[in-house]
């Protein structure tokens, strides 16, 4: 279970790290260990709905369903025809 959480948080981190990561000479992202840990802790805090310091499968599922719903709403708003 820890492995799944770690992989999920790592994936999220790398997908969203562009906002704060510096670039090397080849325009590849450079992330420090401290930045990585900080981001992982922030994600954990957001996902921990009852703030007990543990992530349950239900908390993870609820978090990702909420994110999916937000994404779909934004996508739907972009598709709506503009009223004149």
PDB file of N, CA and C in Angstrom:
ATOM      1  N   UNK A   1       0.819  -1.191   0.000  1.00  0.00           N
ATOM      2  CA  UNK A   1       0.000   0.000   0.000  1.00  0.00           C
ATOM      3  C   UNK A   1       0.863   1.255   0.000  1.00  0.00           C
ATOM      4  N   UNK A   2       1.941   1.248   0.809  1.00  0.00           N
ATOM      5  CA  UNK A   2       2.834   2.410   0.838  1.00  0.00           C
ATOM      6  C   UNK A   2       3.448   2.648  -0.533  1.00  0.00           C
ATOM      7  N   UNK A   3       3.738   1.563  -1.242  1.00  0.00           N
ATOM      8  CA  UNK A   3       4.345   1.683  -2.560  1.00  0.00           C
ATOM      9  C   UNK A   3       3.390   2.378  -3.526  1.00  0.00           C
ATOM     10  N   UNK A   4       2.105   2.028  -3.464  1.00  0.00           N
ATOM     11  CA  UNK A   4       1.101   2.640  -4.330  1.00  0.00           C
ATOM     12  C   UNK A   4       0.981   4.126  -4.031  1.00  0.00           C
ATOM     13  N   UNK A   5       0.926   4.468  -2.759  1.00  0.00           N
ATOM     14  CA  UNK A   5       0.815   5.877  -2.369  1.00  0.00           C
ATOM     15  C   UNK A   5       2.051   6.647  -2.839  1.00  0.00           C
ATOM     16  N   UNK A   6       3.218   6.066  -2.636  1.00  0.00           N
ATOM     17  CA  UNK A   6       4.460   6.727  -3.035  1.00  0.00           C
ATOM     18  C   UNK A   6       4.494   6.955  -4.542  1.00  0.00           C
ATOM     19  N   UNK A   7       4.123   5.945  -5.304  1.00  0.00           N
ATOM     20  CA  UNK A   7       4.118   6.078  -6.768  1.00  0.00           C
ATOM     21  C   UNK A   7       3.098   7.124  -7.199  1.00  0.00           C
ATOM     22  N   UNK A   8       1.923   7.111  -6.594  1.00  0.00           N
ATOM     23  CA  UNK A   8       0.896   8.086  -6.941  1.00  0.00           C
ATOM     24  C   UNK A   8       1.355   9.505  -6.633  1.00  0.00           C
ATOM     25  N   UNK A   9       1.915   9.702  -5.450  1.00  0.00           N
ATOM     26  CA  UNK A   9       2.394  11.038  -5.087  1.00  0.00           C
ATOM     27  C   UNK A   9       3.555  11.467  -5.970  1.00  0.00           C
ATOM     28  N   UNK A  10       4.433  10.545  -6.311  1.00  0.00           N
ATOM     29  CA  UNK A  10       5.560  10.879  -7.188  1.00  0.00           C
ATOM     30  C   UNK A  10       5.051  11.289  -8.556  1.00  0.00           C
ATOM     31  N   UNK A  11       4.068  10.571  -9.070  1.00  0.00           N
ATOM     32  CA  UNK A  11       3.504  10.906 -10.377  1.00  0.00           C
ATOM     33  C   UNK A  11       2.875  12.288 -10.362  1.00  0.00           C
ATOM     34  N   UNK A  12       2.103  12.544  -9.333  1.00  0.00           N
ATOM     35  CA  UNK A  12       1.461  13.853  -9.198  1.00  0.00           C
ATOM     36  C   UNK A  12       2.519  14.948  -9.127  1.00  0.00           C
ATOM     37  N   UNK A  13       3.531  14.685  -8.339  1.00  0.00           N
ATOM     38  CA  UNK A  13       4.587  15.664  -8.160  1.00  0.00           C
ATOM     39  C   UNK A  13       5.238  16.028  -9.490  1.00  0.00           C
ATOM     40  N   UNK A  14       5.628  15.024 -10.250  1.00  0.00           N
ATOM     41  CA  UNK A  14       6.322  15.307 -11.495  1.00  0.00           C
ATOM     42  C   UNK A  14       5.419  15.957 -12.527  1.00  0.00           C
ATOM     43  N   UNK A  15       4.128  15.673 -12.481  1.00  0.00           N
ATOM     44  CA  UNK A  15       3.204  16.300 -13.412  1.00  0.00           C
ATOM     45  C   UNK A  15       2.961  17.768 -13.075  1.00  0.00           C
ATOM     46  N   UNK A  16       3.066  18.099 -11.791  1.00  0.00           N
ATOM     47  CA  UNK A  16       2.761  19.470 -11.384  1.00  0.00           C
ATOM     48  C   UNK A  16       3.986  20.264 -10.932  1.00  0.00           C
ATOM     49  N   UNK A  17       5.156  19.728 -11.095  1.00  0.00           N
ATOM     50  CA  UNK A  17       6.351  20.377 -10.559  1.00  0.00           C
ATOM     51  C   UNK A  17       6.879  21.516 -11.415  1.00  0.00           C
ATOM     52  N   UNK A  18       6.387  21.669 -12.613  1.00  0.00           N
ATOM     53  CA  UNK A  18       6.913  22.699 -13.504  1.00  0.00           C
ATOM     54  C   UNK A  18       6.792  24.099 -12.914  1.00  0.00           C
ATOM     55  N   UNK A  19       5.815  24.300 -12.070  1.00  0.00           N
ATOM     56  CA  UNK A  19       5.581  25.628 -11.513  1.00  0.00           C
ATOM     57  C   UNK A  19       6.717  26.097 -10.613  1.00  0.00           C
ATOM     58  N   UNK A  20       7.438  25.202  -9.982  1.00  0.00           N
ATOM     59  CA  UNK A  20       8.473  25.635  -9.052  1.00  0.00           C
ATOM     60  C   UNK A  20       9.845  25.024  -9.317  1.00  0.00           C
ATOM     61  N   UNK A  21       9.954  24.174 -10.294  1.00  0.00           N
ATOM     62  CA  UNK A  21      11.240  23.537 -10.565  1.00  0.00           C
ATOM     63  C   UNK A  21      12.086  24.419 -11.475  1.00  0.00           C
ATOM     64  N   UNK A  22      13.370  24.426 -11.218  1.00  0.00           N
ATOM     65  CA  UNK A  22      14.256  25.159 -12.108  1.00  0.00           C
ATOM     66  C   UNK A  22      14.646  24.251 -13.278  1.00  0.00           C
ATOM     67  N   UNK A  23      15.196  24.833 -14.314  1.00  0.00           N
ATOM     68  CA  UNK A  23      15.563  24.069 -15.500  1.00  0.00           C
ATOM     69  C   UNK A  23      17.082  24.030 -15.635  1.00  0.00           C
ATOM     70  N   UNK A  24      17.579  22.917 -16.164  1.00  0.00           N
ATOM     71  CA  UNK A  24      19.012  22.856 -16.436  1.00  0.00           C
ATOM     72  C   UNK A  24      19.268  23.370 -17.853  1.00  0.00           C
ATOM     73  N   UNK A  25      20.498  23.257 -18.322  1.00  0.00           N
ATOM     74  CA  UNK A  25      20.846  23.820 -19.633  1.00  0.00           C
ATOM     75  C   UNK A  25      20.109  23.157 -20.783  1.00  0.00           C
ATOM     76  N   UNK A  26      19.605  21.940 -20.590  1.00  0.00           N
ATOM     77  CA  UNK A  26      18.861  21.233 -21.630  1.00  0.00           C
ATOM     78  C   UNK A  26      17.354  21.374 -21.454  1.00  0.00           C
ATOM     79  N   UNK A  27      16.941  22.326 -20.622  1.00  0.00           N
ATOM     80  CA  UNK A  27      15.523  22.580 -20.343  1.00  0.00           C
ATOM     81  C   UNK A  27      14.828  21.380 -19.708  1.00  0.00           C
ATOM     82  N   UNK A  28      15.556  20.648 -18.881  1.00  0.00           N
ATOM     83  CA  UNK A  28      14.968  19.548 -18.119  1.00  0.00           C
ATOM     84  C   UNK A  28      14.743  20.032 -16.693  1.00  0.00           C
ATOM     85  N   UNK A  29      13.663  19.568 -16.094  1.00  0.00           N
ATOM     86  CA  UNK A  29      13.318  19.996 -14.741  1.00  0.00           C
ATOM     87  C   UNK A  29      14.337  19.486 -13.729  1.00  0.00           C
ATOM     88  N   UNK A  30      14.689  20.355 -12.813  1.00  0.00           N
ATOM     89  CA  UNK A  30      15.547  19.988 -11.693  1.00  0.00           C
ATOM     90  C   UNK A  30      14.729  20.203 -10.430  1.00  0.00           C
ATOM     91  N   UNK A  31      14.601  19.169  -9.626  1.00  0.00           N
ATOM     92  CA  UNK A  31      13.829  19.241  -8.400  1.00  0.00           C
ATOM     93  C   UNK A  31      14.723  18.782  -7.263  1.00  0.00           C
ATOM     94  N   UNK A  32      14.770  19.581  -6.221  1.00  0.00           N
ATOM     95  CA  UNK A  32      15.575  19.196  -5.073  1.00  0.00           C
ATOM     96  C   UNK A  32      14.781  18.217  -4.198  1.00  0.00           C
ATOM     97  N   UNK A  33      15.491  17.508  -3.344  1.00  0.00           N
ATOM     98  CA  UNK A  33      14.844  16.571  -2.426  1.00  0.00           C
ATOM     99  C   UNK A  33      13.871  17.326  -1.517  1.00  0.00           C
ATOM    100  N   UNK A  34      14.275  18.489  -1.070  1.00  0.00           N
ATOM    101  CA  UNK A  34      13.420  19.283  -0.188  1.00  0.00           C
ATOM    102  C   UNK A  34      12.126  19.698  -0.896  1.00  0.00           C
ATOM    103  N   UNK A  35      12.222  20.099  -2.166  1.00  0.00           N
ATOM    104  CA  UNK A  35      11.030  20.471  -2.929  1.00  0.00           C
ATOM    105  C   UNK A  35      10.107  19.270  -3.107  1.00  0.00           C
ATOM    106  N   UNK A  36      10.702  18.132  -3.414  1.00  0.00           N
ATOM    107  CA  UNK A  36       9.937  16.909  -3.618  1.00  0.00           C
ATOM    108  C   UNK A  36       9.183  16.532  -2.351  1.00  0.00           C
ATOM    109  N   UNK A  37       9.870  16.530  -1.225  1.00  0.00           N
ATOM    110  CA  UNK A  37       9.249  16.156   0.049  1.00  0.00           C
ATOM    111  C   UNK A  37       8.160  17.153   0.428  1.00  0.00           C
ATOM    112  N   UNK A  38       8.418  18.433   0.232  1.00  0.00           N
ATOM    113  CA  UNK A  38       7.428  19.456   0.558  1.00  0.00           C
ATOM    114  C   UNK A  38       6.151  19.242  -0.253  1.00  0.00           C
ATOM    115  N   UNK A  39       6.321  18.998  -1.534  1.00  0.00           N
ATOM    116  CA  UNK A  39       5.158  18.798  -2.402  1.00  0.00           C
ATOM    117  C   UNK A  39       4.388  17.531  -2.000  1.00  0.00           C
ATOM    118  N   UNK A  40       5.116  16.456  -1.714  1.00  0.00           N
ATOM    119  CA  UNK A  40       4.473  15.205  -1.303  1.00  0.00           C
ATOM    120  C   UNK A  40       3.689  15.405  -0.002  1.00  0.00           C
ATOM    121  N   UNK A  41       4.254  16.150   0.927  1.00  0.00           N
ATOM    122  CA  UNK A  41       3.563  16.427   2.189  1.00  0.00           C
ATOM    123  C   UNK A  41       2.311  17.275   1.961  1.00  0.00           C
ATOM    124  N   UNK A  42       2.390  18.240   1.053  1.00  0.00           N
ATOM    125  CA  UNK A  42       1.225  19.063   0.740  1.00  0.00           C
ATOM    126  C   UNK A  42       0.115  18.224   0.120  1.00  0.00           C
ATOM    127  N   UNK A  43       0.488  17.313  -0.781  1.00  0.00           N
ATOM    128  CA  UNK A  43      -0.500  16.432  -1.398  1.00  0.00           C
ATOM    129  C   UNK A  43      -1.145  15.538  -0.341  1.00  0.00           C
ATOM    130  N   UNK A  44      -0.338  14.993   0.534  1.00  0.00           N
ATOM    131  CA  UNK A  44      -0.855  14.134   1.596  1.00  0.00           C
ATOM    132  C   UNK A  44      -1.862  14.903   2.440  1.00  0.00           C
ATOM    133  N   UNK A  45      -1.519  16.122   2.810  1.00  0.00           N
ATOM    134  CA  UNK A  45      -2.398  16.947   3.638  1.00  0.00           C
ATOM    135  C   UNK A  45      -3.721  17.207   2.932  1.00  0.00           C
ATOM    136  N   UNK A  46      -3.667  17.492   1.629  1.00  0.00           N
ATOM    137  CA  UNK A  46      -4.903  17.728   0.874  1.00  0.00           C
ATOM    138  C   UNK A  46      -5.767  16.476   0.813  1.00  0.00           C
ATOM    139  N   UNK A  47      -5.142  15.322   0.691  1.00  0.00           N
ATOM    140  CA  UNK A  47      -5.883  14.075   0.541  1.00  0.00           C
ATOM    141  C   UNK A  47      -6.428  13.558   1.874  1.00  0.00           C
ATOM    142  N   UNK A  48      -5.800  13.897   2.980  1.00  0.00           N
ATOM    143  CA  UNK A  48      -6.185  13.408   4.307  1.00  0.00           C
ATOM    144  C   UNK A  48      -7.408  14.178   4.803  1.00  0.00           C
ATOM    145  N   UNK A  49      -8.587  13.741   4.397  1.00  0.00           N
ATOM    146  CA  UNK A  49      -9.831  14.474   4.648  1.00  0.00           C
ATOM    147  C   UNK A  49     -10.126  14.657   6.130  1.00  0.00           C
ATOM    148  N   UNK A  50      -9.897  13.641   6.950  1.00  0.00           N
ATOM    149  CA  UNK A  50     -10.224  13.766   8.369  1.00  0.00           C
ATOM    150  C   UNK A  50      -9.026  14.207   9.215  1.00  0.00           C
ATOM    151  N   UNK A  51      -7.925  14.500   8.570  1.00  0.00           N
ATOM    152  CA  UNK A  51      -6.715  15.041   9.224  1.00  0.00           C
ATOM    153  C   UNK A  51      -6.206  14.167  10.374  1.00  0.00           C
ATOM    154  N   UNK A  52      -6.264  12.843  10.178  1.00  0.00           N
ATOM    155  CA  UNK A  52      -5.767  11.939  11.216  1.00  0.00           C
ATOM    156  C   UNK A  52      -4.344  11.447  10.934  1.00  0.00           C
ATOM    157  N   UNK A  53      -3.745  11.946   9.868  1.00  0.00           N
ATOM    158  CA  UNK A  53      -2.380  11.552   9.539  1.00  0.00           C
ATOM    159  C   UNK A  53      -2.284  10.231   8.798  1.00  0.00           C
ATOM    160  N   UNK A  54      -3.421   9.718   8.338  1.00  0.00           N
ATOM    161  CA  UNK A  54      -3.448   8.461   7.588  1.00  0.00           C
ATOM    162  C   UNK A  54      -4.329   8.636   6.353  1.00  0.00           C
ATOM    163  N   UNK A  55      -3.925   8.015   5.252  1.00  0.00           N
ATOM    164  CA  UNK A  55      -4.734   8.036   4.037  1.00  0.00           C
ATOM    165  C   UNK A  55      -5.401   6.682   3.870  1.00  0.00           C
ATOM    166  N   UNK A  56      -6.715   6.695   3.852  1.00  0.00           N
ATOM    167  CA  UNK A  56      -7.457   5.464   3.624  1.00  0.00           C
ATOM    168  C   UNK A  56      -7.765   5.357   2.128  1.00  0.00           C
ATOM    169  N   UNK A  57      -8.090   4.162   1.667  1.00  0.00           N
ATOM    170  CA  UNK A  57      -8.499   4.028   0.258  1.00  0.00           C
ATOM    171  C   UNK A  57      -9.685   4.932  -0.074  1.00  0.00           C
ATOM    172  N   UNK A  58     -10.612   5.083   0.864  1.00  0.00           N
ATOM    173  CA  UNK A  58     -11.770   5.948   0.618  1.00  0.00           C
ATOM    174  C   UNK A  58     -11.370   7.416   0.468  1.00  0.00           C
ATOM    175  N   UNK A  59     -10.407   7.870   1.270  1.00  0.00           N
ATOM    176  CA  UNK A  59      -9.942   9.262   1.163  1.00  0.00           C
ATOM    177  C   UNK A  59      -9.261   9.490  -0.187  1.00  0.00           C
ATOM    178  N   UNK A  60      -8.430   8.551  -0.583  1.00  0.00           N
ATOM    179  CA  UNK A  60      -7.752   8.700  -1.874  1.00  0.00           C
ATOM    180  C   UNK A  60      -8.762   8.703  -3.010  1.00  0.00           C
ATOM    181  N   UNK A  61      -9.709   7.783  -2.954  1.00  0.00           N
ATOM    182  CA  UNK A  61     -10.728   7.701  -4.005  1.00  0.00           C
ATOM    183  C   UNK A  61     -11.548   8.988  -4.068  1.00  0.00           C
ATOM    184  N   UNK A  62     -11.962   9.479  -2.912  1.00  0.00           N
ATOM    185  CA  UNK A  62     -12.757  10.714  -2.864  1.00  0.00           C
ATOM    186  C   UNK A  62     -11.971  11.895  -3.418  1.00  0.00           C
ATOM    187  N   UNK A  63     -10.698  11.973  -3.068  1.00  0.00           N
ATOM    188  CA  UNK A  63      -9.865  13.076  -3.554  1.00  0.00           C
ATOM    189  C   UNK A  63      -9.793  13.064  -5.073  1.00  0.00           C
ATOM    190  N   UNK A  64      -9.487  11.881  -5.626  1.00  0.00           N
ATOM    191  CA  UNK A  64      -9.327  11.806  -7.081  1.00  0.00           C
ATOM    192  C   UNK A  64     -10.654  11.961  -7.808  1.00  0.00           C
ATOM    193  N   UNK A  65     -11.745  11.520  -7.227  1.00  0.00           N
ATOM    194  CA  UNK A  65     -13.055  11.742  -7.837  1.00  0.00           C
ATOM    195  C   UNK A  65     -13.382  13.236  -7.862  1.00  0.00           C
ATOM    196  N   UNK A  66     -13.042  13.939  -6.787  1.00  0.00           N
ATOM    197  CA  UNK A  66     -13.279  15.388  -6.733  1.00  0.00           C
ATOM    198  C   UNK A  66     -12.440  16.098  -7.786  1.00  0.00           C
ATOM    199  N   UNK A  67     -11.173  15.716  -7.920  1.00  0.00           N
ATOM    200  CA  UNK A  67     -10.311  16.340  -8.930  1.00  0.00           C
ATOM    201  C   UNK A  67     -10.843  16.061 -10.332  1.00  0.00           C
ATOM    202  N   UNK A  68     -11.285  14.829 -10.568  1.00  0.00           N
ATOM    203  CA  UNK A  68     -11.831  14.452 -11.870  1.00  0.00           C
ATOM    204  C   UNK A  68     -13.078  15.277 -12.174  1.00  0.00           C
ATOM    205  N   UNK A  69     -13.916  15.444 -11.161  1.00  0.00           N
ATOM    206  CA  UNK A  69     -15.136  16.224 -11.327  1.00  0.00           C
ATOM    207  C   UNK A  69     -14.812  17.690 -11.649  1.00  0.00           C
ATOM    208  N   UNK A  70     -13.845  18.266 -10.929  1.00  0.00           N
ATOM    209  CA  UNK A  70     -13.432  19.652 -11.204  1.00  0.00           C
ATOM    210  C   UNK A  70     -12.904  19.791 -12.624  1.00  0.00           C
ATOM    211  N   UNK A  71     -12.080  18.835 -13.032  1.00  0.00           N
ATOM    212  CA  UNK A  71     -11.510  18.863 -14.382  1.00  0.00           C
ATOM    213  C   UNK A  71     -12.628  18.787 -15.422  1.00  0.00           C
ATOM    214  N   UNK A  72     -13.588  17.898 -15.199  1.00  0.00           N
ATOM    215  CA  UNK A  72     -14.686  17.736 -16.155  1.00  0.00           C
ATOM    216  C   UNK A  72     -15.534  19.000 -16.231  1.00  0.00           C
ATOM    217  N   UNK A  73     -15.780  19.644 -15.089  1.00  0.00           N
ATOM    218  CA  UNK A  73     -16.554  20.880 -15.096  1.00  0.00           C
ATOM    219  C   UNK A  73     -15.842  21.969 -15.891  1.00  0.00           C
ATOM    220  N   UNK A  74     -14.537  22.103 -15.695  1.00  0.00           N
ATOM    221  CA  UNK A  74     -13.769  23.098 -16.451  1.00  0.00           C
ATOM    222  C   UNK A  74     -13.808  22.784 -17.938  1.00  0.00           C
ATOM    223  N   UNK A  75     -13.692  21.516 -18.263  1.00  0.00           N
ATOM    224  CA  UNK A  75     -13.718  21.086 -19.660  1.00  0.00           C
ATOM    225  C   UNK A  75     -15.082  21.390 -20.278  1.00  0.00           C
ATOM    226  N   UNK A  76     -16.154  21.115 -19.518  1.00  0.00           N
ATOM    227  CA  UNK A  76     -17.505  21.373 -20.012  1.00  0.00           C
ATOM    228  C   UNK A  76     -17.752  22.870 -20.213  1.00  0.00           C
ATOM    229  N   UNK A  77     -17.217  23.703 -19.318  1.00  0.00           N
ATOM    230  CA  UNK A  77     -17.389  25.151 -19.461  1.00  0.00           C
ATOM    231  C   UNK A  77     -16.734  25.661 -20.738  1.00  0.00           C
ATOM    232  N   UNK A  78     -15.602  25.081 -21.085  1.00  0.00           N
ATOM    233  CA  UNK A  78     -14.914  25.494 -22.312  1.00  0.00           C
ATOM    234  C   UNK A  78     -15.694  25.095 -23.553  1.00  0.00           C
ATOM    235  N   UNK A  79     -16.470  24.006 -23.457  1.00  0.00           N
ATOM    236  CA  UNK A  79     -17.234  23.506 -24.603  1.00  0.00           C
ATOM    237  C   UNK A  79     -18.537  24.258 -24.820  1.00  0.00           C
ATOM    238  N   UNK A  80     -19.065  24.900 -23.766  1.00  0.00           N
ATOM    239  CA  UNK A  80     -20.336  25.592 -23.878  1.00  0.00           C
ATOM    240  C   UNK A  80     -20.252  26.704 -24.908  1.00  0.00           C
ATOM    241  N   UNK A  81     -21.267  26.776 -25.777  1.00  0.00           N
ATOM    242  CA  UNK A  81     -21.265  27.867 -26.761  1.00  0.00           C
ATOM    243  C   UNK A  81     -21.489  29.212 -26.061  1.00  0.00           C
ATOM    244  N   UNK A  82     -20.820  30.211 -26.551  1.00  0.00           N
ATOM    245  CA  UNK A  82     -20.957  31.539 -25.968  1.00  0.00           C
ATOM    246  C   UNK A  82     -22.280  32.151 -26.419  1.00  0.00           C
ATOM    247  N   UNK A  83     -22.992  32.748 -25.439  1.00  0.00           N
ATOM    248  CA  UNK A  83     -24.263  33.404 -25.736  1.00  0.00           C
ATOM    249  C   UNK A  83     -23.993  34.841 -26.105  1.00  0.00           C
ATOM    250  N   UNK A  84     -24.648  35.317 -27.178  1.00  0.00           N
ATOM    251  CA  UNK A  84     -24.417  36.698 -27.576  1.00  0.00           C
ATOM    252  C   UNK A  84     -25.607  37.555 -27.316  1.00  0.00           C
TER     253      UNK A  84
END
